[in-house]
């Protein structure tokens, strides 16, 4: 077996990456001292050195696929001649006859020079270049190195290149992990910041300052509903700030000299309203359509008034006098 490194005063003459040698997918390197064959199917097996002193003949031809073929006859220690058929596969757009002829001429020339002084010297061929069991690839310790054909061996060794490739792969993996951690941190931060807005918050019960509550409408002595007066009167007031209303949020004010109950809020997020007298109720709504439905709990004909405030401004109000009646009120906060 040969060494993947160049010897002293050794230089590369030719190299080929896509050959078929004795039915084996291979690469070949031709130097001024030897021919190196690399088995592409078993990359951990060291190249086979073919010494020029063992090459008896060099012939050229074509195989059954009309690919150019270069055949070497190598003398082995048992006195036999082992053929090495180097096929140069061609595609529809490549012509490799000239390449084969150059390889044949160079090997023939170098063999004549090498045998001029010492004659033919036999050498041993090993599988897969001849029939036999392919040596097992090493499983322990430092892996056997090989260098693909065409590589200038005077550069760093394969182990050094593998080490650099491993470090690069490790750095890429670290980068991916760091990026994933950053994304997870950003998602967690978003959940921490925005999650409270999706959790129903307790609605505070606001009790207005008695000194700021407007004078209530006096209770009329006649409890009968005047026939000429409509039951519900809706008023859309001009935009003005109410001093007794908080300046943020949506609030419903119910004014009635008696008990009442009902609901208020947007669809799916209504809150219960229950009380008596003049009270304020905060509603979980913003930029959407909301409704209020308040019912008298007695048979009094006294007026029940409902007022809706948005950001401290009254946006709608209505009044009902019918005993035991229900006041329904809708408002679109999107247009405000």
C-alpha atoms as a PDB file:
ATOM      1  CA  UNK A   1       0.000   0.000   0.000  1.00  0.00           C
ATOM      2  CA  UNK A   2       1.205   3.511  -0.715  1.00  0.00           C
ATOM      3  CA  UNK A   3       1.635   6.701   1.225  1.00  0.00           C
ATOM      4  CA  UNK A   4      -0.725   9.627   0.550  1.00  0.00           C
ATOM      5  CA  UNK A   5       2.162  12.054   0.919  1.00  0.00           C
ATOM      6  CA  UNK A   6       4.736  12.935  -1.710  1.00  0.00           C
ATOM      7  CA  UNK A   7       8.303  11.795  -1.308  1.00  0.00           C
ATOM      8  CA  UNK A   8      11.333  13.995  -1.668  1.00  0.00           C
ATOM      9  CA  UNK A   9      11.712  15.317  -5.247  1.00  0.00           C
ATOM     10  CA  UNK A  10       8.297  13.817  -6.120  1.00  0.00           C
ATOM     11  CA  UNK A  11       5.761  15.882  -8.041  1.00  0.00           C
ATOM     12  CA  UNK A  12       2.271  15.306  -9.466  1.00  0.00           C
ATOM     13  CA  UNK A  13       2.002  14.957 -13.253  1.00  0.00           C
ATOM     14  CA  UNK A  14      -1.642  13.941 -13.809  1.00  0.00           C
ATOM     15  CA  UNK A  15      -4.735  13.255 -11.710  1.00  0.00           C
ATOM     16  CA  UNK A  16      -8.254  11.963 -12.456  1.00  0.00           C
ATOM     17  CA  UNK A  17     -11.272  11.867 -10.143  1.00  0.00           C
ATOM     18  CA  UNK A  18     -13.720   9.744 -12.128  1.00  0.00           C
ATOM     19  CA  UNK A  19     -12.191   6.443 -13.245  1.00  0.00           C
ATOM     20  CA  UNK A  20     -13.303   2.813 -13.137  1.00  0.00           C
ATOM     21  CA  UNK A  21     -10.313   0.543 -12.451  1.00  0.00           C
ATOM     22  CA  UNK A  22     -11.021  -3.199 -12.584  1.00  0.00           C
ATOM     23  CA  UNK A  23     -14.752  -2.458 -11.960  1.00  0.00           C
ATOM     24  CA  UNK A  24     -13.914  -0.264  -8.931  1.00  0.00           C
ATOM     25  CA  UNK A  25     -14.919   3.416  -8.785  1.00  0.00           C
ATOM     26  CA  UNK A  26     -11.555   5.066  -8.278  1.00  0.00           C
ATOM     27  CA  UNK A  27      -9.317   8.094  -8.474  1.00  0.00           C
ATOM     28  CA  UNK A  28      -5.742   8.091  -9.720  1.00  0.00           C
ATOM     29  CA  UNK A  29      -2.654  10.243  -9.218  1.00  0.00           C
ATOM     30  CA  UNK A  30       0.381   9.995 -11.498  1.00  0.00           C
ATOM     31  CA  UNK A  31       3.652  11.347 -10.151  1.00  0.00           C
ATOM     32  CA  UNK A  32       7.194  11.141 -11.483  1.00  0.00           C
ATOM     33  CA  UNK A  33       7.846   8.141  -9.158  1.00  0.00           C
ATOM     34  CA  UNK A  34       4.634   6.063  -9.061  1.00  0.00           C
ATOM     35  CA  UNK A  35       0.956   5.648  -9.971  1.00  0.00           C
ATOM     36  CA  UNK A  36      -1.397   5.864  -6.963  1.00  0.00           C
ATOM     37  CA  UNK A  37      -4.898   4.292  -7.092  1.00  0.00           C
ATOM     38  CA  UNK A  38      -7.581   5.415  -4.585  1.00  0.00           C
ATOM     39  CA  UNK A  39     -10.661   3.267  -3.896  1.00  0.00           C
ATOM     40  CA  UNK A  40     -13.618   5.682  -3.644  1.00  0.00           C
ATOM     41  CA  UNK A  41     -15.840   3.003  -2.061  1.00  0.00           C
ATOM     42  CA  UNK A  42     -13.449   2.444   0.872  1.00  0.00           C
ATOM     43  CA  UNK A  43     -11.966   5.875   1.606  1.00  0.00           C
ATOM     44  CA  UNK A  44     -10.059   4.718   4.723  1.00  0.00           C
ATOM     45  CA  UNK A  45      -7.934   2.249   2.776  1.00  0.00           C
ATOM     46  CA  UNK A  46      -4.617   3.795   1.761  1.00  0.00           C
ATOM     47  CA  UNK A  47      -3.911   4.197  -1.961  1.00  0.00           C
ATOM     48  CA  UNK A  48      -2.256   1.358  -3.878  1.00  0.00           C
ATOM     49  CA  UNK A  49       1.138   2.331  -5.289  1.00  0.00           C
ATOM     50  CA  UNK A  50       1.896   0.972  -8.773  1.00  0.00           C
ATOM     51  CA  UNK A  51       5.662   1.142  -9.318  1.00  0.00           C
ATOM     52  CA  UNK A  52       6.859   1.831 -12.851  1.00  0.00           C
ATOM     53  CA  UNK A  53       9.420  -1.001 -12.553  1.00  0.00           C
ATOM     54  CA  UNK A  54       6.504  -3.512 -12.368  1.00  0.00           C
ATOM     55  CA  UNK A  55       4.572  -2.223 -15.414  1.00  0.00           C
ATOM     56  CA  UNK A  56       5.348  -4.593 -18.277  1.00  0.00           C
ATOM     57  CA  UNK A  57       2.998  -3.297 -20.989  1.00  0.00           C
ATOM     58  CA  UNK A  58       0.681  -0.349 -21.590  1.00  0.00           C
ATOM     59  CA  UNK A  59      -2.151  -0.758 -24.123  1.00  0.00           C
ATOM     60  CA  UNK A  60      -5.192   1.316 -25.063  1.00  0.00           C
ATOM     61  CA  UNK A  61      -8.659   0.459 -26.406  1.00  0.00           C
ATOM     62  CA  UNK A  62     -12.389   0.824 -25.756  1.00  0.00           C
ATOM     63  CA  UNK A  63     -14.798  -1.178 -23.600  1.00  0.00           C
ATOM     64  CA  UNK A  64     -18.345  -2.348 -24.420  1.00  0.00           C
ATOM     65  CA  UNK A  65     -19.730   1.108 -23.529  1.00  0.00           C
ATOM     66  CA  UNK A  66     -17.310   2.730 -26.005  1.00  0.00           C
ATOM     67  CA  UNK A  67     -15.438   4.397 -23.140  1.00  0.00           C
ATOM     68  CA  UNK A  68     -11.665   4.834 -23.594  1.00  0.00           C
ATOM     69  CA  UNK A  69      -9.670   2.232 -21.651  1.00  0.00           C
ATOM     70  CA  UNK A  70      -6.012   2.129 -20.610  1.00  0.00           C
ATOM     71  CA  UNK A  71      -4.751  -1.361 -19.627  1.00  0.00           C
ATOM     72  CA  UNK A  72      -1.585  -1.997 -17.600  1.00  0.00           C
ATOM     73  CA  UNK A  73       0.071  -5.386 -17.217  1.00  0.00           C
ATOM     74  CA  UNK A  74       1.637  -5.536 -13.739  1.00  0.00           C
ATOM     75  CA  UNK A  75       4.182  -8.251 -12.839  1.00  0.00           C
ATOM     76  CA  UNK A  76       3.499  -9.843  -9.410  1.00  0.00           C
ATOM     77  CA  UNK A  77       5.829 -11.901  -7.169  1.00  0.00           C
ATOM     78  CA  UNK A  78       4.190 -15.219  -8.136  1.00  0.00           C
ATOM     79  CA  UNK A  79       5.239 -14.665 -11.750  1.00  0.00           C
ATOM     80  CA  UNK A  80       1.812 -13.801 -13.096  1.00  0.00           C
ATOM     81  CA  UNK A  81       0.749 -10.675 -14.902  1.00  0.00           C
ATOM     82  CA  UNK A  82      -2.218  -8.901 -13.408  1.00  0.00           C
ATOM     83  CA  UNK A  83      -4.176  -6.548 -15.696  1.00  0.00           C
ATOM     84  CA  UNK A  84      -5.313  -3.147 -14.487  1.00  0.00           C
ATOM     85  CA  UNK A  85      -7.996  -1.743 -16.780  1.00  0.00           C
ATOM     86  CA  UNK A  86      -8.404   2.007 -16.274  1.00  0.00           C
ATOM     87  CA  UNK A  87     -11.675   3.103 -17.942  1.00  0.00           C
ATOM     88  CA  UNK A  88     -12.395   6.787 -18.583  1.00  0.00           C
ATOM     89  CA  UNK A  89     -16.242   7.038 -18.494  1.00  0.00           C
ATOM     90  CA  UNK A  90     -17.697   9.552 -20.926  1.00  0.00           C
ATOM     91  CA  UNK A  91     -20.968  11.455 -20.805  1.00  0.00           C
ATOM     92  CA  UNK A  92     -22.847  12.743 -23.832  1.00  0.00           C
ATOM     93  CA  UNK A  93     -20.905  15.995 -23.762  1.00  0.00           C
ATOM     94  CA  UNK A  94     -17.408  14.790 -22.860  1.00  0.00           C
ATOM     95  CA  UNK A  95     -14.720  13.141 -24.937  1.00  0.00           C
ATOM     96  CA  UNK A  96     -11.902  11.519 -22.906  1.00  0.00           C
ATOM     97  CA  UNK A  97      -9.908   9.729 -25.572  1.00  0.00           C
ATOM     98  CA  UNK A  98      -7.191  12.392 -25.561  1.00  0.00           C
ATOM     99  CA  UNK A  99      -7.022  12.189 -21.753  1.00  0.00           C
ATOM    100  CA  UNK A 100      -6.554   8.404 -21.891  1.00  0.00           C
ATOM    101  CA  UNK A 101      -3.857   8.730 -24.562  1.00  0.00           C
ATOM    102  CA  UNK A 102      -1.933  11.245 -22.434  1.00  0.00           C
ATOM    103  CA  UNK A 103      -2.060   8.899 -19.408  1.00  0.00           C
ATOM    104  CA  UNK A 104      -0.875   5.984 -21.546  1.00  0.00           C
ATOM    105  CA  UNK A 105       2.019   7.963 -23.046  1.00  0.00           C
ATOM    106  CA  UNK A 106       3.211   9.249 -19.669  1.00  0.00           C
ATOM    107  CA  UNK A 107       3.029   5.846 -17.917  1.00  0.00           C
ATOM    108  CA  UNK A 108       4.803   4.158 -20.831  1.00  0.00           C
ATOM    109  CA  UNK A 109       7.550   6.787 -20.806  1.00  0.00           C
ATOM    110  CA  UNK A 110       8.080   6.631 -17.032  1.00  0.00           C
ATOM    111  CA  UNK A 111       8.114   2.814 -17.064  1.00  0.00           C
ATOM    112  CA  UNK A 112      10.838   2.712 -19.736  1.00  0.00           C
ATOM    113  CA  UNK A 113      12.976   5.174 -17.752  1.00  0.00           C
ATOM    114  CA  UNK A 114      12.499   3.236 -14.463  1.00  0.00           C
ATOM    115  CA  UNK A 115      13.313  -0.164 -16.048  1.00  0.00           C
ATOM    116  CA  UNK A 116      16.326   1.047 -18.032  1.00  0.00           C
ATOM    117  CA  UNK A 117      18.724   0.416 -15.147  1.00  0.00           C
ATOM    118  CA  UNK A 118      17.162  -2.359 -13.008  1.00  0.00           C
ATOM    119  CA  UNK A 119      14.763  -4.061 -15.387  1.00  0.00           C
ATOM    120  CA  UNK A 120      11.329  -5.294 -14.381  1.00  0.00           C
ATOM    121  CA  UNK A 121      10.773  -5.720 -10.635  1.00  0.00           C
ATOM    122  CA  UNK A 122       7.653  -7.577  -9.442  1.00  0.00           C
ATOM    123  CA  UNK A 123       5.293  -6.016  -6.924  1.00  0.00           C
ATOM    124  CA  UNK A 124       2.228  -7.183  -4.992  1.00  0.00           C
ATOM    125  CA  UNK A 125      -1.300  -5.995  -5.763  1.00  0.00           C
ATOM    126  CA  UNK A 126      -3.953  -6.073  -3.044  1.00  0.00           C
ATOM    127  CA  UNK A 127      -7.768  -6.058  -3.157  1.00  0.00           C
ATOM    128  CA  UNK A 128      -9.855  -4.409  -4.481  1.00  0.00           C
ATOM    129  CA  UNK A 129      -7.559  -4.148  -7.508  1.00  0.00           C
ATOM    130  CA  UNK A 130      -7.328  -7.945  -7.640  1.00  0.00           C
ATOM    131  CA  UNK A 131      -9.904 -10.512  -6.434  1.00  0.00           C
ATOM    132  CA  UNK A 132      -9.776 -11.121  -2.690  1.00  0.00           C
ATOM    133  CA  UNK A 133     -11.016  -9.975   0.694  1.00  0.00           C
ATOM    134  CA  UNK A 134     -10.814  -6.236   1.218  1.00  0.00           C
ATOM    135  CA  UNK A 135      -8.976  -5.366   4.443  1.00  0.00           C
ATOM    136  CA  UNK A 136     -11.238  -4.272   7.263  1.00  0.00           C
ATOM    137  CA  UNK A 137     -11.299  -0.566   7.886  1.00  0.00           C
ATOM    138  CA  UNK A 138      -9.760   0.546  11.191  1.00  0.00           C
ATOM    139  CA  UNK A 139     -12.258   1.013  14.040  1.00  0.00           C
ATOM    140  CA  UNK A 140     -10.014   2.133  16.930  1.00  0.00           C
ATOM    141  CA  UNK A 141      -7.532   4.895  17.398  1.00  0.00           C
ATOM    142  CA  UNK A 142      -6.604   7.457  14.780  1.00  0.00           C
ATOM    143  CA  UNK A 143      -8.388   6.769  11.452  1.00  0.00           C
ATOM    144  CA  UNK A 144      -6.207   5.977   8.474  1.00  0.00           C
ATOM    145  CA  UNK A 145      -5.823   9.015   6.290  1.00  0.00           C
ATOM    146  CA  UNK A 146      -6.188   9.256   2.544  1.00  0.00           C
ATOM    147  CA  UNK A 147      -6.008  12.182   0.183  1.00  0.00           C
ATOM    148  CA  UNK A 148      -8.227  12.367  -2.939  1.00  0.00           C
ATOM    149  CA  UNK A 149      -6.573  12.402  -6.329  1.00  0.00           C
ATOM    150  CA  UNK A 150      -5.516  15.786  -7.589  1.00  0.00           C
ATOM    151  CA  UNK A 151      -4.776  17.151  -4.104  1.00  0.00           C
ATOM    152  CA  UNK A 152      -1.379  18.809  -3.656  1.00  0.00           C
ATOM    153  CA  UNK A 153      -0.035  16.879  -0.691  1.00  0.00           C
ATOM    154  CA  UNK A 154       2.452  19.495   0.412  1.00  0.00           C
ATOM    155  CA  UNK A 155      -0.411  21.354   2.081  1.00  0.00           C
ATOM    156  CA  UNK A 156      -1.930  20.417   5.463  1.00  0.00           C
ATOM    157  CA  UNK A 157      -2.678  16.749   6.118  1.00  0.00           C
ATOM    158  CA  UNK A 158      -6.150  15.234   5.993  1.00  0.00           C
ATOM    159  CA  UNK A 159      -6.387  14.991   9.788  1.00  0.00           C
ATOM    160  CA  UNK A 160      -5.785  18.724  10.063  1.00  0.00           C
ATOM    161  CA  UNK A 161      -8.446  19.438   7.456  1.00  0.00           C
ATOM    162  CA  UNK A 162     -10.870  17.109   9.228  1.00  0.00           C
ATOM    163  CA  UNK A 163     -10.156  18.908  12.497  1.00  0.00           C
ATOM    164  CA  UNK A 164     -10.881  22.265  10.896  1.00  0.00           C
ATOM    165  CA  UNK A 165     -14.095  20.920   9.336  1.00  0.00           C
ATOM    166  CA  UNK A 166     -15.188  19.497  12.701  1.00  0.00           C
ATOM    167  CA  UNK A 167     -14.512  22.829  14.404  1.00  0.00           C
ATOM    168  CA  UNK A 168     -16.495  24.656  11.717  1.00  0.00           C
ATOM    169  CA  UNK A 169     -19.406  22.240  12.140  1.00  0.00           C
ATOM    170  CA  UNK A 170     -19.250  22.687  15.913  1.00  0.00           C
ATOM    171  CA  UNK A 171     -19.284  26.466  15.547  1.00  0.00           C
ATOM    172  CA  UNK A 172     -22.319  26.269  13.263  1.00  0.00           C
ATOM    173  CA  UNK A 173     -24.129  24.096  15.805  1.00  0.00           C
ATOM    174  CA  UNK A 174     -23.307  26.554  18.613  1.00  0.00           C
ATOM    175  CA  UNK A 175     -24.630  29.387  16.470  1.00  0.00           C
ATOM    176  CA  UNK A 176     -27.894  27.528  15.848  1.00  0.00           C
ATOM    177  CA  UNK A 177     -28.329  26.823  19.581  1.00  0.00           C
ATOM    178  CA  UNK A 178     -27.684  30.482  20.473  1.00  0.00           C
ATOM    179  CA  UNK A 179     -30.197  31.648  17.846  1.00  0.00           C
ATOM    180  CA  UNK A 180     -32.803  29.219  19.202  1.00  0.00           C
ATOM    181  CA  UNK A 181     -32.239  30.472  22.763  1.00  0.00           C
ATOM    182  CA  UNK A 182     -32.633  34.087  21.624  1.00  0.00           C
ATOM    183  CA  UNK A 183     -35.923  33.256  19.864  1.00  0.00           C
ATOM    184  CA  UNK A 184     -37.214  31.443  22.971  1.00  0.00           C
ATOM    185  CA  UNK A 185     -36.227  34.429  25.142  1.00  0.00           C
ATOM    186  CA  UNK A 186     -38.058  36.838  22.826  1.00  0.00           C
ATOM    187  CA  UNK A 187     -41.190  34.682  22.878  1.00  0.00           C
ATOM    188  CA  UNK A 188     -41.069  34.468  26.680  1.00  0.00           C
ATOM    189  CA  UNK A 189     -40.665  38.237  26.928  1.00  0.00           C
ATOM    190  CA  UNK A 190     -43.637  38.762  24.605  1.00  0.00           C
ATOM    191  CA  UNK A 191     -45.792  36.438  26.700  1.00  0.00           C
ATOM    192  CA  UNK A 192     -44.724  38.235  29.900  1.00  0.00           C
ATOM    193  CA  UNK A 193     -45.541  41.662  28.444  1.00  0.00           C
ATOM    194  CA  UNK A 194     -48.764  40.945  26.570  1.00  0.00           C
ATOM    195  CA  UNK A 195     -50.320  38.068  28.523  1.00  0.00           C
ATOM    196  CA  UNK A 196     -51.901  40.340  31.191  1.00  0.00           C
ATOM    197  CA  UNK A 197     -53.986  42.046  28.498  1.00  0.00           C
ATOM    198  CA  UNK A 198     -55.689  38.712  27.713  1.00  0.00           C
ATOM    199  CA  UNK A 199     -56.482  37.887  31.362  1.00  0.00           C
ATOM    200  CA  UNK A 200     -59.794  39.255  32.675  1.00  0.00           C
ATOM    201  CA  UNK A 201     -59.011  41.945  35.219  1.00  0.00           C
ATOM    202  CA  UNK A 202     -61.207  42.596  38.288  1.00  0.00           C
ATOM    203  CA  UNK A 203     -63.548  45.487  37.640  1.00  0.00           C
ATOM    204  CA  UNK A 204     -63.317  48.066  40.422  1.00  0.00           C
ATOM    205  CA  UNK A 205     -66.491  49.367  42.042  1.00  0.00           C
ATOM    206  CA  UNK A 206     -66.259  53.125  41.883  1.00  0.00           C
ATOM    207  CA  UNK A 207     -68.168  55.141  44.437  1.00  0.00           C
ATOM    208  CA  UNK A 208     -68.369  58.775  43.375  1.00  0.00           C
ATOM    209  CA  UNK A 209     -67.637  61.582  45.764  1.00  0.00           C
ATOM    210  CA  UNK A 210     -70.977  62.636  47.288  1.00  0.00           C
ATOM    211  CA  UNK A 211     -69.970  66.255  46.946  1.00  0.00           C
ATOM    212  CA  UNK A 212     -69.657  65.850  43.162  1.00  0.00           C
ATOM    213  CA  UNK A 213     -72.812  63.827  42.444  1.00  0.00           C
ATOM    214  CA  UNK A 214     -75.386  65.945  40.546  1.00  0.00           C
ATOM    215  CA  UNK A 215     -78.743  66.517  42.160  1.00  0.00           C
ATOM    216  CA  UNK A 216     -80.995  63.581  41.479  1.00  0.00           C
ATOM    217  CA  UNK A 217     -84.259  63.997  39.657  1.00  0.00           C
ATOM    218  CA  UNK A 218     -87.015  64.405  42.296  1.00  0.00           C
ATOM    219  CA  UNK A 219     -89.547  61.658  42.550  1.00  0.00           C
ATOM    220  CA  UNK A 220     -92.868  62.796  41.093  1.00  0.00           C
ATOM    221  CA  UNK A 221     -95.926  62.431  43.325  1.00  0.00           C
ATOM    222  CA  UNK A 222     -98.000  60.887  40.568  1.00  0.00           C
ATOM    223  CA  UNK A 223     -96.816  57.291  40.063  1.00  0.00           C
ATOM    224  CA  UNK A 224     -98.860  56.790  36.917  1.00  0.00           C
ATOM    225  CA  UNK A 225     -97.017  56.966  33.604  1.00  0.00           C
ATOM    226  CA  UNK A 226     -98.087  59.995  31.569  1.00  0.00           C
ATOM    227  CA  UNK A 227     -99.658  58.688  28.396  1.00  0.00           C
ATOM    228  CA  UNK A 228     -98.095  61.347  26.184  1.00  0.00           C
ATOM    229  CA  UNK A 229     -94.530  60.721  27.409  1.00  0.00           C
ATOM    230  CA  UNK A 230     -92.523  57.971  25.610  1.00  0.00           C
ATOM    231  CA  UNK A 231     -91.172  55.154  27.781  1.00  0.00           C
ATOM    232  CA  UNK A 232     -87.525  55.395  26.609  1.00  0.00           C
ATOM    233  CA  UNK A 233     -85.746  58.580  25.708  1.00  0.00           C
ATOM    234  CA  UNK A 234     -82.244  58.298  24.186  1.00  0.00           C
ATOM    235  CA  UNK A 235     -79.992  61.312  24.140  1.00  0.00           C
ATOM    236  CA  UNK A 236     -76.564  61.503  22.464  1.00  0.00           C
ATOM    237  CA  UNK A 237     -74.940  64.365  24.405  1.00  0.00           C
ATOM    238  CA  UNK A 238     -72.293  66.702  23.045  1.00  0.00           C
ATOM    239  CA  UNK A 239     -68.723  65.714  23.794  1.00  0.00           C
ATOM    240  CA  UNK A 240     -67.822  67.079  27.206  1.00  0.00           C
ATOM    241  CA  UNK A 241     -65.708  65.835  30.108  1.00  0.00           C
ATOM    242  CA  UNK A 242     -67.582  64.691  33.214  1.00  0.00           C
ATOM    243  CA  UNK A 243     -65.716  65.596  36.368  1.00  0.00           C
ATOM    244  CA  UNK A 244     -67.034  62.643  38.404  1.00  0.00           C
ATOM    245  CA  UNK A 245     -66.004  60.015  35.855  1.00  0.00           C
ATOM    246  CA  UNK A 246     -62.480  58.572  35.644  1.00  0.00           C
ATOM    247  CA  UNK A 247     -60.622  59.853  32.603  1.00  0.00           C
ATOM    248  CA  UNK A 248     -59.781  56.381  31.241  1.00  0.00           C
ATOM    249  CA  UNK A 249     -61.900  53.338  30.368  1.00  0.00           C
ATOM    250  CA  UNK A 250     -65.572  52.667  29.726  1.00  0.00           C
ATOM    251  CA  UNK A 251     -68.097  53.297  32.538  1.00  0.00           C
ATOM    252  CA  UNK A 252     -71.857  52.771  32.902  1.00  0.00           C
ATOM    253  CA  UNK A 253     -73.762  55.043  35.275  1.00  0.00           C
ATOM    254  CA  UNK A 254     -77.180  53.927  36.548  1.00  0.00           C
ATOM    255  CA  UNK A 255     -79.452  56.481  38.289  1.00  0.00           C
ATOM    256  CA  UNK A 256     -82.643  55.204  39.945  1.00  0.00           C
ATOM    257  CA  UNK A 257     -84.356  55.787  43.245  1.00  0.00           C
ATOM    258  CA  UNK A 258     -84.832  52.085  43.824  1.00  0.00           C
ATOM    259  CA  UNK A 259     -83.177  48.720  43.114  1.00  0.00           C
ATOM    260  CA  UNK A 260     -82.122  47.505  39.653  1.00  0.00           C
ATOM    261  CA  UNK A 261     -80.087  44.743  38.017  1.00  0.00           C
ATOM    262  CA  UNK A 262     -78.769  43.848  34.572  1.00  0.00           C
ATOM    263  CA  UNK A 263     -75.644  43.436  32.458  1.00  0.00           C
ATOM    264  CA  UNK A 264     -73.269  45.638  30.443  1.00  0.00           C
ATOM    265  CA  UNK A 265     -70.312  45.092  28.148  1.00  0.00           C
ATOM    266  CA  UNK A 266     -69.306  43.797  24.703  1.00  0.00           C
ATOM    267  CA  UNK A 267     -70.429  40.413  23.422  1.00  0.00           C
ATOM    268  CA  UNK A 268     -68.774  37.624  25.366  1.00  0.00           C
ATOM    269  CA  UNK A 269     -67.403  39.889  28.137  1.00  0.00           C
ATOM    270  CA  UNK A 270     -70.477  41.310  29.863  1.00  0.00           C
ATOM    271  CA  UNK A 271     -70.485  42.036  33.577  1.00  0.00           C
ATOM    272  CA  UNK A 272     -73.355  41.929  36.053  1.00  0.00           C
ATOM    273  CA  UNK A 273     -74.807  45.193  37.302  1.00  0.00           C
ATOM    274  CA  UNK A 274     -76.826  45.291  40.525  1.00  0.00           C
ATOM    275  CA  UNK A 275     -77.534  48.029  43.019  1.00  0.00           C
ATOM    276  CA  UNK A 276     -79.644  50.999  43.890  1.00  0.00           C
ATOM    277  CA  UNK A 277     -79.418  54.745  43.737  1.00  0.00           C
ATOM    278  CA  UNK A 278     -76.723  56.466  41.669  1.00  0.00           C
ATOM    279  CA  UNK A 279     -73.772  54.122  40.950  1.00  0.00           C
ATOM    280  CA  UNK A 280     -70.939  53.691  38.403  1.00  0.00           C
ATOM    281  CA  UNK A 281     -69.779  50.375  36.895  1.00  0.00           C
ATOM    282  CA  UNK A 282     -66.596  49.919  34.817  1.00  0.00           C
ATOM    283  CA  UNK A 283     -66.997  47.808  31.665  1.00  0.00           C
ATOM    284  CA  UNK A 284     -64.155  45.781  29.972  1.00  0.00           C
ATOM    285  CA  UNK A 285     -64.558  47.275  26.500  1.00  0.00           C
ATOM    286  CA  UNK A 286     -62.451  49.315  24.055  1.00  0.00           C
ATOM    287  CA  UNK A 287     -62.987  50.217  20.378  1.00  0.00           C
ATOM    288  CA  UNK A 288     -65.946  47.822  19.961  1.00  0.00           C
ATOM    289  CA  UNK A 289     -69.724  47.590  20.141  1.00  0.00           C
ATOM    290  CA  UNK A 290     -71.135  47.218  23.667  1.00  0.00           C
ATOM    291  CA  UNK A 291     -74.618  46.936  25.158  1.00  0.00           C
ATOM    292  CA  UNK A 292     -76.282  47.714  28.470  1.00  0.00           C
ATOM    293  CA  UNK A 293     -79.560  46.153  29.699  1.00  0.00           C
ATOM    294  CA  UNK A 294     -80.895  47.396  33.080  1.00  0.00           C
ATOM    295  CA  UNK A 295     -84.220  46.285  34.628  1.00  0.00           C
ATOM    296  CA  UNK A 296     -86.218  47.891  37.464  1.00  0.00           C
ATOM    297  CA  UNK A 297     -86.746  45.567  40.417  1.00  0.00           C
ATOM    298  CA  UNK A 298     -89.951  47.281  41.557  1.00  0.00           C
ATOM    299  CA  UNK A 299     -93.207  48.678  40.131  1.00  0.00           C
ATOM    300  CA  UNK A 300     -92.310  52.310  40.618  1.00  0.00           C
ATOM    301  CA  UNK A 301     -92.926  54.762  37.816  1.00  0.00           C
ATOM    302  CA  UNK A 302     -89.847  56.765  38.783  1.00  0.00           C
ATOM    303  CA  UNK A 303     -87.382  57.398  35.933  1.00  0.00           C
ATOM    304  CA  UNK A 304     -84.396  55.071  35.553  1.00  0.00           C
ATOM    305  CA  UNK A 305     -81.511  56.682  33.650  1.00  0.00           C
ATOM    306  CA  UNK A 306     -78.459  54.946  32.119  1.00  0.00           C
ATOM    307  CA  UNK A 307     -75.391  56.907  30.963  1.00  0.00           C
ATOM    308  CA  UNK A 308     -72.346  55.473  29.114  1.00  0.00           C
ATOM    309  CA  UNK A 309     -68.966  57.225  29.403  1.00  0.00           C
ATOM    310  CA  UNK A 310     -65.820  56.670  27.291  1.00  0.00           C
ATOM    311  CA  UNK A 311     -62.475  58.140  28.371  1.00  0.00           C
ATOM    312  CA  UNK A 312     -64.289  60.537  30.752  1.00  0.00           C
ATOM    313  CA  UNK A 313     -66.845  61.728  28.153  1.00  0.00           C
ATOM    314  CA  UNK A 314     -70.551  60.832  28.096  1.00  0.00           C
ATOM    315  CA  UNK A 315     -71.298  59.187  24.725  1.00  0.00           C
ATOM    316  CA  UNK A 316     -74.900  58.036  25.202  1.00  0.00           C
ATOM    317  CA  UNK A 317     -77.773  58.156  27.720  1.00  0.00           C
ATOM    318  CA  UNK A 318     -81.394  56.966  27.970  1.00  0.00           C
ATOM    319  CA  UNK A 319     -84.275  57.006  30.470  1.00  0.00           C
ATOM    320  CA  UNK A 320     -87.235  54.718  31.159  1.00  0.00           C
ATOM    321  CA  UNK A 321     -90.255  55.250  33.482  1.00  0.00           C
ATOM    322  CA  UNK A 322     -92.390  52.130  32.928  1.00  0.00           C
ATOM    323  CA  UNK A 323     -92.799  50.139  36.196  1.00  0.00           C
ATOM    324  CA  UNK A 324     -90.629  47.015  36.134  1.00  0.00           C
ATOM    325  CA  UNK A 325     -89.342  48.021  32.703  1.00  0.00           C
ATOM    326  CA  UNK A 326     -86.016  47.148  31.070  1.00  0.00           C
ATOM    327  CA  UNK A 327     -83.774  49.763  29.444  1.00  0.00           C
ATOM    328  CA  UNK A 328     -81.606  48.471  26.549  1.00  0.00           C
ATOM    329  CA  UNK A 329     -78.829  50.688  25.236  1.00  0.00           C
ATOM    330  CA  UNK A 330     -76.200  50.022  22.501  1.00  0.00           C
ATOM    331  CA  UNK A 331     -73.155  52.124  21.592  1.00  0.00           C
ATOM    332  CA  UNK A 332     -70.373  51.679  18.990  1.00  0.00           C
ATOM    333  CA  UNK A 333     -67.085  52.720  20.607  1.00  0.00           C
ATOM    334  CA  UNK A 334     -65.198  52.210  17.330  1.00  0.00           C
ATOM    335  CA  UNK A 335     -66.431  55.502  15.910  1.00  0.00           C
ATOM    336  CA  UNK A 336     -65.413  57.585  18.910  1.00  0.00           C
END
